Amino acid sequence: MKVIMYGTNACPDCVNAENTLKENNIQYLYLDWTNSIGNLKRFLKLRDTNPLFDDAKNTGSVGIPCFQLEDGTLTLDLEEVLNKQS
């Protein structure tokens, strides 16, 4: 199963999550928006329209790393991604 990961290399949680995906041999596409307005817009569209991000927005967080599973499911929980891959 291929996972899409949204984030930025400026975020330590994103760097750690990417390393964990690599260590667990999980196929993923990392959409880093550090130098890509297109990737940022794609993430913001998800963030602005999905209630998954309500808590993050209410606490002033960005809501990353964010993972989109092959079936379209969004999660902010790396453990959920790992569990669905096994």
Protein backbone atom coordinates (compact mmCIF):
# COMPACT_ATOMS: atom_id res chain seq x y z
CA MET A 1 0.00 0.00 0.00
CA LYS A 2 1.38 3.39 -0.92
CA VAL A 3 1.00 6.23 1.57
CA ILE A 4 1.09 9.95 0.84
CA MET A 5 2.78 11.93 3.58
CA TYR A 6 2.25 15.69 3.81
CA GLY A 7 4.76 17.75 5.74
CA THR A 8 7.95 19.76 5.67
CA ASN A 9 11.55 18.96 6.49
CA ALA A 10 11.49 21.96 8.85
CA CYS A 11 9.25 19.89 11.16
CA PRO A 12 11.08 17.40 13.42
CA ASP A 13 7.95 15.23 13.68
CA CYS A 14 7.84 14.96 9.88
CA VAL A 15 11.52 14.04 9.69
CA ASN A 16 11.02 11.35 12.35
CA ALA A 17 7.89 10.03 10.62
CA GLU A 18 9.68 9.79 7.28
CA ASN A 19 12.55 7.89 8.91
CA THR A 20 10.06 5.50 10.50
CA LEU A 21 8.36 4.85 7.16
CA LYS A 22 11.76 4.09 5.62
CA GLU A 23 12.78 1.81 8.49
CA ASN A 24 9.54 -0.15 8.08
CA ASN A 25 9.92 -0.42 4.29
CA ILE A 26 6.62 1.36 3.70
CA GLN A 27 6.16 2.77 0.23
CA TYR A 28 5.31 6.44 0.45
CA LEU A 29 5.22 9.66 -1.50
CA TYR A 30 6.41 12.60 0.58
CA LEU A 31 4.75 15.86 -0.44
CA ASP A 32 7.06 18.34 1.23
CA TRP A 33 5.89 21.90 0.76
CA THR A 34 9.10 23.60 1.85
CA ASN A 35 9.88 24.54 -1.75
CA SER A 36 6.59 23.68 -3.45
CA ILE A 37 3.59 25.98 -3.46
CA GLY A 38 1.69 23.24 -5.30
CA ASN A 39 2.24 20.76 -2.46
CA LEU A 40 1.32 23.43 0.11
CA LYS A 41 -1.93 24.23 -1.71
CA ARG A 42 -2.78 20.52 -1.93
CA PHE A 43 -2.29 20.12 1.82
CA LEU A 44 -4.17 23.31 2.71
CA LYS A 45 -7.16 22.18 0.67
CA LEU A 46 -7.30 19.00 2.78
CA ARG A 47 -6.69 20.88 6.02
CA ASP A 48 -9.30 23.54 5.33
CA THR A 49 -12.06 21.07 4.43
CA ASN A 50 -11.54 18.04 6.67
CA PRO A 51 -12.70 17.89 10.31
CA LEU A 52 -9.67 15.69 11.13
CA PHE A 53 -7.72 18.94 11.48
CA ASP A 54 -10.16 20.77 13.78
CA ASP A 55 -8.22 19.98 16.96
CA ALA A 56 -4.92 20.97 15.35
CA LYS A 57 -6.35 24.26 14.15
CA ASN A 58 -7.95 24.97 17.53
CA THR A 59 -4.64 24.47 19.32
CA GLY A 60 -2.63 26.46 16.78
CA SER A 61 -0.92 23.40 15.30
CA VAL A 62 -0.45 22.76 11.60
CA GLY A 63 -1.61 19.14 11.56
CA ILE A 64 1.51 17.46 10.24
CA PRO A 65 2.72 14.97 9.53
CA CYS A 66 -0.48 13.97 7.78
CA PHE A 67 -0.87 10.65 6.03
CA GLN A 68 -3.28 9.72 3.26
CA LEU A 69 -3.75 6.00 2.82
CA GLU A 70 -4.39 4.35 -0.51
CA ASP A 71 -8.13 4.16 0.20
CA GLY A 72 -8.21 7.95 0.76
CA THR A 73 -8.33 7.77 4.55
CA LEU A 74 -6.53 10.65 6.27
CA THR A 75 -4.78 10.27 9.60
CA LEU A 76 -2.37 12.20 11.77
CA ASP A 77 -1.39 9.00 13.57
CA LEU A 78 1.80 7.31 12.37
CA GLU A 79 0.98 4.22 14.45
CA GLU A 80 -2.26 3.82 12.48
CA VAL A 81 -0.27 3.89 9.26
CA LEU A 82 2.18 1.31 10.58
CA ASN A 83 -0.61 -0.97 11.81
CA LYS A 84 -2.43 -0.89 8.47
CA GLN A 85 0.75 -1.86 6.66
CA SER A 86 1.33 -5.05 8.63
